[in-house]
Amino acid sequence: MQSEQKFYRCLVSDASSRALLKIRDILSDETLSDESCFARIEAIVSLLEELGISCGGRHDFG
């Protein structure tokens, strides 16, 4: 049982790390102009929603 819990903790930690790295990559994308800042925020919100993390109705870009 303890081994299984350790496995899941590592799995969650790995997924969190990958999400943070993707967010960092989105924010550090120098190909986007300042006017494209909205696109950065949208990309981050989309990533969070893709991971199953709701950002609420105020971020409905559709």
Protein backbone atom coordinates (compact mmCIF):
# COMPACT_ATOMS: atom_id res chain seq x y z
CA MET A 1 0.00 0.00 0.00
CA GLN A 2 2.79 2.46 0.87
CA SER A 3 4.54 1.66 -2.41
CA GLU A 4 1.35 2.44 -4.31
CA GLN A 5 0.97 5.79 -2.51
CA LYS A 6 4.58 6.66 -3.31
CA PHE A 7 3.92 5.81 -6.98
CA TYR A 8 0.91 8.15 -7.13
CA ARG A 9 2.79 10.96 -5.36
CA CYS A 10 5.57 10.69 -7.94
CA LEU A 11 3.05 10.59 -10.77
CA VAL A 12 1.27 13.75 -9.56
CA SER A 13 4.58 15.50 -8.94
CA ASP A 14 5.75 14.65 -12.46
CA ALA A 15 2.51 15.92 -14.04
CA SER A 16 2.74 19.14 -12.01
CA SER A 17 6.33 19.68 -13.06
CA ARG A 18 5.48 19.16 -16.72
CA ALA A 19 2.57 21.62 -16.48
CA LEU A 20 4.77 24.27 -14.87
CA LEU A 21 7.43 23.82 -17.54
CA LYS A 22 4.80 24.22 -20.28
CA ILE A 23 3.49 27.39 -18.60
CA ARG A 24 7.05 28.72 -18.37
CA ASP A 25 7.56 27.98 -22.07
CA ILE A 26 4.35 29.81 -22.98
CA LEU A 27 5.34 32.89 -20.97
CA SER A 28 8.90 32.99 -22.27
CA ASP A 29 7.87 32.74 -25.93
CA GLU A 30 9.61 35.80 -27.38
CA THR A 31 7.92 35.33 -30.76
CA LEU A 32 4.77 36.88 -29.32
CA SER A 33 4.45 40.67 -29.32
CA ASP A 34 3.10 42.58 -26.35
CA GLU A 35 -0.23 42.71 -28.15
CA SER A 36 -0.14 38.92 -28.09
CA CYS A 37 -0.06 38.83 -24.30
CA PHE A 38 -3.71 37.81 -24.43
CA ALA A 39 -2.63 34.78 -26.47
CA ARG A 40 -0.21 33.80 -23.71
CA ILE A 41 -2.91 33.97 -21.06
CA GLU A 42 -5.32 32.06 -23.27
CA ALA A 43 -2.68 29.37 -23.84
CA ILE A 44 -2.13 28.99 -20.10
CA VAL A 45 -5.86 28.83 -19.36
CA SER A 46 -6.30 26.30 -22.16
CA LEU A 47 -3.49 24.18 -20.74
CA LEU A 48 -5.03 24.22 -17.27
CA GLU A 49 -8.42 23.26 -18.68
CA GLU A 50 -6.78 20.52 -20.75
CA LEU A 51 -5.37 19.17 -17.48
CA GLY A 52 -8.87 19.21 -15.96
CA ILE A 53 -8.42 22.41 -13.93
CA SER A 54 -11.37 24.74 -14.42
CA CYS A 55 -10.56 28.44 -14.63
CA GLY A 56 -14.15 29.59 -14.32
CA GLY A 57 -16.51 31.23 -16.80
CA ARG A 58 -14.61 34.52 -17.05
CA HIS A 59 -12.03 32.81 -19.23
CA ASP A 60 -14.37 31.65 -21.97
CA PHE A 61 -12.41 32.56 -25.10
CA GLY A 62 -14.78 30.77 -27.48
